[in-house]
């Protein structure tokens, strides 16, 4: 079950417990996004458990589902994918994704729907649609040409071209690439910096209001009397 591993006032983190996307996992991710949208966090960090970020909808899973009632199950899976992608499209807070390993299929397709993508040097990206006789998903038929250019997008979507983390970064699919040994620490540090940058206008406004209130207190007779009273009490205690 997908649950928040860390939730504080400025930062919500969700971890995907399985690299394979199933109906259950997609529903859990949608539920987690809904919870993060309603809490006090300012951004969402999405990461995964293990050495693979996401293997997408695996053929073995699809075969298992479609072997029972093809018409019914194909509708259920397509609706789950639609709702999964819509959850990312409509999420109003910034989404930061930490890619610790390979991202395949729908796991790679949703990345342009997020705001910041950090990747380990070990990560790589592939959408083997043609090999699986599938059409693009996750809005990648639109977003990939916009980000990667038509030629490279076609190679990924129709030829199964695999992108390394550095290639993905140079073409704009990934924001930054970190060394595997320091990946978790660097993601945490970058997340804190990002949170702070989002909060700077709020903190500046609060600081200004606090100082204005202090100025009013220090200008007032009551404020000065309170200071004298405090100093007198301290002298008496001695």
C-alpha atoms as a PDB file:
ATOM      1  CA  UNK A   1       0.000   0.000   0.000  1.00  0.00           C
ATOM      2  CA  UNK A   2       1.305   3.419  -0.937  1.00  0.00           C
ATOM      3  CA  UNK A   3       1.536   5.736   2.052  1.00  0.00           C
ATOM      4  CA  UNK A   4       3.428   8.971   2.770  1.00  0.00           C
ATOM      5  CA  UNK A   5       6.853   8.285   4.241  1.00  0.00           C
ATOM      6  CA  UNK A   6       7.308  11.894   5.271  1.00  0.00           C
ATOM      7  CA  UNK A   7       4.839  14.744   5.556  1.00  0.00           C
ATOM      8  CA  UNK A   8       5.662  18.109   7.086  1.00  0.00           C
ATOM      9  CA  UNK A   9       4.300  21.585   6.521  1.00  0.00           C
ATOM     10  CA  UNK A  10       6.367  22.300   3.440  1.00  0.00           C
ATOM     11  CA  UNK A  11       7.233  18.929   1.936  1.00  0.00           C
ATOM     12  CA  UNK A  12       5.318  15.722   1.175  1.00  0.00           C
ATOM     13  CA  UNK A  13       7.040  12.577   0.002  1.00  0.00           C
ATOM     14  CA  UNK A  14       5.458   9.541  -1.626  1.00  0.00           C
ATOM     15  CA  UNK A  15       7.219   6.274  -2.367  1.00  0.00           C
ATOM     16  CA  UNK A  16       6.038   3.720  -4.890  1.00  0.00           C
ATOM     17  CA  UNK A  17       6.478   0.264  -3.258  1.00  0.00           C
ATOM     18  CA  UNK A  18       6.568  -1.653  -6.547  1.00  0.00           C
ATOM     19  CA  UNK A  19       8.319  -0.870  -9.824  1.00  0.00           C
ATOM     20  CA  UNK A  20       5.530  -2.507 -11.795  1.00  0.00           C
ATOM     21  CA  UNK A  21       2.406  -0.481 -12.453  1.00  0.00           C
ATOM     22  CA  UNK A  22      -0.746  -2.471 -11.777  1.00  0.00           C
ATOM     23  CA  UNK A  23      -4.331  -1.281 -11.359  1.00  0.00           C
ATOM     24  CA  UNK A  24      -3.837  -1.308  -7.592  1.00  0.00           C
ATOM     25  CA  UNK A  25      -0.560   0.635  -7.682  1.00  0.00           C
ATOM     26  CA  UNK A  26      -1.979   3.241 -10.071  1.00  0.00           C
ATOM     27  CA  UNK A  27      -4.992   3.716  -7.791  1.00  0.00           C
ATOM     28  CA  UNK A  28      -2.700   4.030  -4.763  1.00  0.00           C
ATOM     29  CA  UNK A  29      -0.614   6.680  -6.526  1.00  0.00           C
ATOM     30  CA  UNK A  30      -3.794   8.609  -7.419  1.00  0.00           C
ATOM     31  CA  UNK A  31      -4.926   8.397  -3.784  1.00  0.00           C
ATOM     32  CA  UNK A  32      -1.508   9.556  -2.560  1.00  0.00           C
ATOM     33  CA  UNK A  33      -1.568  12.520  -4.933  1.00  0.00           C
ATOM     34  CA  UNK A  34      -5.021  13.391  -3.667  1.00  0.00           C
ATOM     35  CA  UNK A  35      -3.816  13.306  -0.059  1.00  0.00           C
ATOM     36  CA  UNK A  36      -0.765  15.429  -0.884  1.00  0.00           C
ATOM     37  CA  UNK A  37      -2.949  17.943  -2.719  1.00  0.00           C
ATOM     38  CA  UNK A  38      -5.049  18.443   0.407  1.00  0.00           C
ATOM     39  CA  UNK A  39      -2.320  18.695   3.063  1.00  0.00           C
ATOM     40  CA  UNK A  40      -0.097  21.632   4.054  1.00  0.00           C
ATOM     41  CA  UNK A  41       2.875  20.636   1.931  1.00  0.00           C
ATOM     42  CA  UNK A  42       4.233  22.999  -0.715  1.00  0.00           C
ATOM     43  CA  UNK A  43       5.623  20.353  -3.062  1.00  0.00           C
ATOM     44  CA  UNK A  44       5.604  16.599  -3.640  1.00  0.00           C
ATOM     45  CA  UNK A  45       8.693  14.404  -3.952  1.00  0.00           C
ATOM     46  CA  UNK A  46       7.960  11.141  -5.758  1.00  0.00           C
ATOM     47  CA  UNK A  47      10.461   8.310  -5.556  1.00  0.00           C
ATOM     48  CA  UNK A  48      10.447   4.507  -5.568  1.00  0.00           C
ATOM     49  CA  UNK A  49      11.625   1.551  -3.527  1.00  0.00           C
ATOM     50  CA  UNK A  50      14.398  -0.677  -4.888  1.00  0.00           C
ATOM     51  CA  UNK A  51      16.782  -0.283  -7.827  1.00  0.00           C
ATOM     52  CA  UNK A  52      14.147   0.276 -10.543  1.00  0.00           C
ATOM     53  CA  UNK A  53      12.072   3.438 -10.648  1.00  0.00           C
ATOM     54  CA  UNK A  54       9.220   2.069 -12.736  1.00  0.00           C
ATOM     55  CA  UNK A  55       8.911  -0.755 -15.268  1.00  0.00           C
ATOM     56  CA  UNK A  56       5.519   0.425 -16.473  1.00  0.00           C
ATOM     57  CA  UNK A  57       2.749  -1.967 -17.452  1.00  0.00           C
ATOM     58  CA  UNK A  58       4.624  -5.213 -17.993  1.00  0.00           C
ATOM     59  CA  UNK A  59       3.523  -7.605 -20.762  1.00  0.00           C
ATOM     60  CA  UNK A  60       3.107 -10.508 -18.317  1.00  0.00           C
ATOM     61  CA  UNK A  61       0.729  -8.421 -16.227  1.00  0.00           C
ATOM     62  CA  UNK A  62      -1.286  -7.352 -19.270  1.00  0.00           C
ATOM     63  CA  UNK A  63      -1.497 -10.924 -20.570  1.00  0.00           C
ATOM     64  CA  UNK A  64      -2.686 -12.147 -17.182  1.00  0.00           C
ATOM     65  CA  UNK A  65      -5.427  -9.523 -17.031  1.00  0.00           C
ATOM     66  CA  UNK A  66      -6.524  -9.772 -20.654  1.00  0.00           C
ATOM     67  CA  UNK A  67      -6.667 -13.571 -20.701  1.00  0.00           C
ATOM     68  CA  UNK A  68      -9.851 -13.624 -18.610  1.00  0.00           C
ATOM     69  CA  UNK A  69     -12.281 -11.127 -20.164  1.00  0.00           C
ATOM     70  CA  UNK A  70     -10.457  -9.125 -22.825  1.00  0.00           C
ATOM     71  CA  UNK A  71     -13.149  -6.520 -23.451  1.00  0.00           C
ATOM     72  CA  UNK A  72     -13.870  -5.852 -19.791  1.00  0.00           C
ATOM     73  CA  UNK A  73     -10.249  -5.884 -18.651  1.00  0.00           C
ATOM     74  CA  UNK A  74      -8.996  -3.726 -21.516  1.00  0.00           C
ATOM     75  CA  UNK A  75     -11.532  -1.070 -20.493  1.00  0.00           C
ATOM     76  CA  UNK A  76     -10.527  -1.311 -16.822  1.00  0.00           C
ATOM     77  CA  UNK A  77      -6.815  -0.990 -17.575  1.00  0.00           C
ATOM     78  CA  UNK A  78      -7.321   1.888 -20.042  1.00  0.00           C
ATOM     79  CA  UNK A  79      -9.498   3.741 -17.507  1.00  0.00           C
ATOM     80  CA  UNK A  80      -6.904   3.191 -14.773  1.00  0.00           C
ATOM     81  CA  UNK A  81      -4.145   4.587 -17.027  1.00  0.00           C
ATOM     82  CA  UNK A  82      -6.356   7.559 -17.926  1.00  0.00           C
ATOM     83  CA  UNK A  83      -7.077   8.367 -14.270  1.00  0.00           C
ATOM     84  CA  UNK A  84      -3.408   7.842 -13.343  1.00  0.00           C
ATOM     85  CA  UNK A  85      -2.232  10.340 -15.968  1.00  0.00           C
ATOM     86  CA  UNK A  86      -5.017  12.808 -15.141  1.00  0.00           C
ATOM     87  CA  UNK A  87      -3.904  12.777 -11.493  1.00  0.00           C
ATOM     88  CA  UNK A  88      -0.526  14.157 -12.598  1.00  0.00           C
ATOM     89  CA  UNK A  89      -2.065  16.626 -15.055  1.00  0.00           C
ATOM     90  CA  UNK A  90      -4.386  18.147 -12.441  1.00  0.00           C
ATOM     91  CA  UNK A  91      -1.999  18.108  -9.451  1.00  0.00           C
ATOM     92  CA  UNK A  92      -1.566  21.787  -8.551  1.00  0.00           C
ATOM     93  CA  UNK A  93       1.606  21.654  -6.434  1.00  0.00           C
ATOM     94  CA  UNK A  94       5.095  21.188  -7.903  1.00  0.00           C
ATOM     95  CA  UNK A  95       6.027  17.529  -8.430  1.00  0.00           C
ATOM     96  CA  UNK A  96       9.683  16.575  -8.019  1.00  0.00           C
ATOM     97  CA  UNK A  97      10.626  13.077  -9.213  1.00  0.00           C
ATOM     98  CA  UNK A  98      13.731  11.233  -8.008  1.00  0.00           C
ATOM     99  CA  UNK A  99      14.676   8.549 -10.559  1.00  0.00           C
ATOM    100  CA  UNK A 100      16.908   6.003  -8.839  1.00  0.00           C
ATOM    101  CA  UNK A 101      17.009   3.482 -11.699  1.00  0.00           C
ATOM    102  CA  UNK A 102      15.431   2.497 -15.027  1.00  0.00           C
ATOM    103  CA  UNK A 103      12.141   4.177 -15.991  1.00  0.00           C
ATOM    104  CA  UNK A 104      10.247   2.305 -18.689  1.00  0.00           C
ATOM    105  CA  UNK A 105       6.967   2.758 -20.501  1.00  0.00           C
ATOM    106  CA  UNK A 106       4.425   4.771 -18.562  1.00  0.00           C
ATOM    107  CA  UNK A 107       7.057   5.355 -15.864  1.00  0.00           C
ATOM    108  CA  UNK A 108       9.030   7.423 -18.386  1.00  0.00           C
ATOM    109  CA  UNK A 109       6.032   8.902 -20.198  1.00  0.00           C
ATOM    110  CA  UNK A 110       4.702  10.759 -17.154  1.00  0.00           C
ATOM    111  CA  UNK A 111       7.955  12.595 -16.460  1.00  0.00           C
ATOM    112  CA  UNK A 112       7.145  15.633 -18.654  1.00  0.00           C
ATOM    113  CA  UNK A 113       3.961  16.040 -16.592  1.00  0.00           C
ATOM    114  CA  UNK A 114       6.143  16.665 -13.527  1.00  0.00           C
ATOM    115  CA  UNK A 115       8.012  19.858 -12.711  1.00  0.00           C
ATOM    116  CA  UNK A 116      11.519  18.734 -11.703  1.00  0.00           C
ATOM    117  CA  UNK A 117      13.160  15.392 -12.545  1.00  0.00           C
ATOM    118  CA  UNK A 118      16.339  14.334 -10.747  1.00  0.00           C
ATOM    119  CA  UNK A 119      18.079  11.150 -11.860  1.00  0.00           C
ATOM    120  CA  UNK A 120      20.809   8.863 -10.642  1.00  0.00           C
ATOM    121  CA  UNK A 121      23.675   8.228 -13.049  1.00  0.00           C
ATOM    122  CA  UNK A 122      22.394   4.635 -13.171  1.00  0.00           C
ATOM    123  CA  UNK A 123      18.973   5.657 -14.459  1.00  0.00           C
ATOM    124  CA  UNK A 124      17.896   5.149 -18.052  1.00  0.00           C
ATOM    125  CA  UNK A 125      14.688   5.764 -19.957  1.00  0.00           C
ATOM    126  CA  UNK A 126      12.817   3.750 -22.565  1.00  0.00           C
ATOM    127  CA  UNK A 127       9.311   3.557 -24.033  1.00  0.00           C
ATOM    128  CA  UNK A 128       9.245   0.274 -25.994  1.00  0.00           C
ATOM    129  CA  UNK A 129       5.791   0.894 -27.475  1.00  0.00           C
ATOM    130  CA  UNK A 130       6.471  -0.585 -30.911  1.00  0.00           C
ATOM    131  CA  UNK A 131       8.080  -3.750 -29.558  1.00  0.00           C
ATOM    132  CA  UNK A 132       4.973  -4.388 -27.434  1.00  0.00           C
ATOM    133  CA  UNK A 133       2.613  -3.325 -30.240  1.00  0.00           C
ATOM    134  CA  UNK A 134       1.259  -0.555 -28.012  1.00  0.00           C
ATOM    135  CA  UNK A 135       0.527   3.082 -28.713  1.00  0.00           C
ATOM    136  CA  UNK A 136       2.163   5.896 -26.674  1.00  0.00           C
ATOM    137  CA  UNK A 137       0.694   6.738 -23.263  1.00  0.00           C
ATOM    138  CA  UNK A 138       1.037   9.383 -20.569  1.00  0.00           C
ATOM    139  CA  UNK A 139       0.594  12.168 -23.163  1.00  0.00           C
ATOM    140  CA  UNK A 140       4.054  11.279 -24.516  1.00  0.00           C
ATOM    141  CA  UNK A 141       2.821  11.517 -28.123  1.00  0.00           C
ATOM    142  CA  UNK A 142       2.594  15.270 -27.434  1.00  0.00           C
ATOM    143  CA  UNK A 143       5.148  15.972 -24.678  1.00  0.00           C
ATOM    144  CA  UNK A 144       8.102  13.989 -26.032  1.00  0.00           C
ATOM    145  CA  UNK A 145       8.277  15.850 -29.387  1.00  0.00           C
ATOM    146  CA  UNK A 146       7.905  19.145 -27.493  1.00  0.00           C
ATOM    147  CA  UNK A 147      10.841  18.372 -25.176  1.00  0.00           C
ATOM    148  CA  UNK A 148      13.086  16.001 -27.115  1.00  0.00           C
ATOM    149  CA  UNK A 149      12.357  17.128 -30.646  1.00  0.00           C
ATOM    150  CA  UNK A 150      10.458  15.117 -33.245  1.00  0.00           C
ATOM    151  CA  UNK A 151      13.370  12.932 -34.377  1.00  0.00           C
ATOM    152  CA  UNK A 152      14.448  11.693 -30.955  1.00  0.00           C
ATOM    153  CA  UNK A 153      10.851  11.385 -29.763  1.00  0.00           C
ATOM    154  CA  UNK A 154      10.077   9.131 -32.725  1.00  0.00           C
ATOM    155  CA  UNK A 155      13.131   7.024 -31.955  1.00  0.00           C
ATOM    156  CA  UNK A 156      11.949   6.556 -28.380  1.00  0.00           C
ATOM    157  CA  UNK A 157       8.267   5.995 -29.109  1.00  0.00           C
ATOM    158  CA  UNK A 158       8.546   3.901 -32.266  1.00  0.00           C
ATOM    159  CA  UNK A 159      12.039   2.375 -32.199  1.00  0.00           C
ATOM    160  CA  UNK A 160      12.529   1.760 -28.477  1.00  0.00           C
ATOM    161  CA  UNK A 161      15.550   4.082 -28.243  1.00  0.00           C
ATOM    162  CA  UNK A 162      17.081   3.940 -24.764  1.00  0.00           C
ATOM    163  CA  UNK A 163      18.261   7.225 -23.223  1.00  0.00           C
ATOM    164  CA  UNK A 164      20.933   7.356 -20.544  1.00  0.00           C
ATOM    165  CA  UNK A 165      20.541   9.759 -17.645  1.00  0.00           C
ATOM    166  CA  UNK A 166      23.088  12.141 -19.158  1.00  0.00           C
ATOM    167  CA  UNK A 167      21.405  12.046 -22.585  1.00  0.00           C
ATOM    168  CA  UNK A 168      18.011  12.664 -20.994  1.00  0.00           C
ATOM    169  CA  UNK A 169      19.479  15.587 -19.067  1.00  0.00           C
ATOM    170  CA  UNK A 170      21.111  17.126 -22.135  1.00  0.00           C
ATOM    171  CA  UNK A 171      17.785  16.932 -24.027  1.00  0.00           C
ATOM    172  CA  UNK A 172      15.667  18.386 -21.204  1.00  0.00           C
ATOM    173  CA  UNK A 173      13.786  15.310 -19.976  1.00  0.00           C
ATOM    174  CA  UNK A 174      15.866  15.319 -16.763  1.00  0.00           C
ATOM    175  CA  UNK A 175      16.802  18.391 -14.709  1.00  0.00           C
ATOM    176  CA  UNK A 176      19.923  17.125 -12.911  1.00  0.00           C
ATOM    177  CA  UNK A 177      21.965  13.919 -12.693  1.00  0.00           C
ATOM    178  CA  UNK A 178      23.551  12.770  -9.426  1.00  0.00           C
ATOM    179  CA  UNK A 179      26.134  10.101  -8.613  1.00  0.00           C
ATOM    180  CA  UNK A 180      24.513   6.862  -7.357  1.00  0.00           C
ATOM    181  CA  UNK A 181      26.500   6.839  -4.110  1.00  0.00           C
ATOM    182  CA  UNK A 182      25.283  10.302  -3.114  1.00  0.00           C
ATOM    183  CA  UNK A 183      21.911  10.262  -4.871  1.00  0.00           C
ATOM    184  CA  UNK A 184      19.667  10.101  -1.795  1.00  0.00           C
ATOM    185  CA  UNK A 185      21.595  12.777   0.111  1.00  0.00           C
ATOM    186  CA  UNK A 186      21.736  15.132  -2.867  1.00  0.00           C
ATOM    187  CA  UNK A 187      18.021  14.677  -3.547  1.00  0.00           C
ATOM    188  CA  UNK A 188      17.280  15.555   0.076  1.00  0.00           C
ATOM    189  CA  UNK A 189      19.502  18.629  -0.032  1.00  0.00           C
ATOM    190  CA  UNK A 190      18.071  19.820  -3.345  1.00  0.00           C
ATOM    191  CA  UNK A 191      14.536  19.249  -2.049  1.00  0.00           C
ATOM    192  CA  UNK A 192      15.206  21.417   0.978  1.00  0.00           C
ATOM    193  CA  UNK A 193      16.649  24.168  -1.239  1.00  0.00           C
ATOM    194  CA  UNK A 194      13.626  23.970  -3.512  1.00  0.00           C
ATOM    195  CA  UNK A 195      11.227  24.142  -0.572  1.00  0.00           C
ATOM    196  CA  UNK A 196      13.082  27.145   0.813  1.00  0.00           C
ATOM    197  CA  UNK A 197      12.968  28.930  -2.553  1.00  0.00           C
ATOM    198  CA  UNK A 198       9.202  28.414  -2.708  1.00  0.00           C
ATOM    199  CA  UNK A 199       8.806  29.729   0.840  1.00  0.00           C
ATOM    200  CA  UNK A 200      11.060  32.797   0.511  1.00  0.00           C
ATOM    201  CA  UNK A 201       8.231  35.231  -0.435  1.00  0.00           C
ATOM    202  CA  UNK A 202       6.098  33.921   2.443  1.00  0.00           C
ATOM    203  CA  UNK A 203       8.958  34.125   4.935  1.00  0.00           C
ATOM    204  CA  UNK A 204       9.851  37.641   3.803  1.00  0.00           C
ATOM    205  CA  UNK A 205       6.258  38.756   4.280  1.00  0.00           C
ATOM    206  CA  UNK A 206       6.057  37.191   7.745  1.00  0.00           C
ATOM    207  CA  UNK A 207       9.392  38.745   8.735  1.00  0.00           C
ATOM    208  CA  UNK A 208       8.201  42.177   7.616  1.00  0.00           C
ATOM    209  CA  UNK A 209       4.960  41.890   9.599  1.00  0.00           C
ATOM    210  CA  UNK A 210       6.773  40.691  12.717  1.00  0.00           C
ATOM    211  CA  UNK A 211       9.237  43.596  12.572  1.00  0.00           C
ATOM    212  CA  UNK A 212       6.429  46.101  12.057  1.00  0.00           C
ATOM    213  CA  UNK A 213       4.686  44.753  15.151  1.00  0.00           C
ATOM    214  CA  UNK A 214       7.921  44.941  17.162  1.00  0.00           C
ATOM    215  CA  UNK A 215       8.432  48.538  16.023  1.00  0.00           C
ATOM    216  CA  UNK A 216       4.915  49.446  17.176  1.00  0.00           C
ATOM    217  CA  UNK A 217       5.483  47.809  20.551  1.00  0.00           C
ATOM    218  CA  UNK A 218       8.803  49.558  21.098  1.00  0.00           C
ATOM    219  CA  UNK A 219       7.235  52.899  20.179  1.00  0.00           C
ATOM    220  CA  UNK A 220       4.388  52.457  22.659  1.00  0.00           C
ATOM    221  CA  UNK A 221       4.387  53.386  26.348  1.00  0.00           C
ATOM    222  CA  UNK A 222       3.029  49.963  27.261  1.00  0.00           C
ATOM    223  CA  UNK A 223       5.860  48.244  25.420  1.00  0.00           C
ATOM    224  CA  UNK A 224       8.492  50.276  27.272  1.00  0.00           C
ATOM    225  CA  UNK A 225       6.748  49.698  30.586  1.00  0.00           C
ATOM    226  CA  UNK A 226       6.710  45.969  29.911  1.00  0.00           C
ATOM    227  CA  UNK A 227      10.469  46.016  29.344  1.00  0.00           C
ATOM    228  CA  UNK A 228      11.052  47.939  32.582  1.00  0.00           C
ATOM    229  CA  UNK A 229       8.770  45.502  34.421  1.00  0.00           C
ATOM    230  CA  UNK A 230      10.690  42.522  33.038  1.00  0.00           C
ATOM    231  CA  UNK A 231      14.062  44.007  33.979  1.00  0.00           C
ATOM    232  CA  UNK A 232      12.779  44.814  37.467  1.00  0.00           C
ATOM    233  CA  UNK A 233      11.566  41.232  37.968  1.00  0.00           C
ATOM    234  CA  UNK A 234      14.960  39.888  36.944  1.00  0.00           C
ATOM    235  CA  UNK A 235      16.710  42.234  39.377  1.00  0.00           C
ATOM    236  CA  UNK A 236      14.377  41.123  42.180  1.00  0.00           C
ATOM    237  CA  UNK A 237      15.068  37.456  41.466  1.00  0.00           C
ATOM    238  CA  UNK A 238      18.783  38.031  42.031  1.00  0.00           C
END
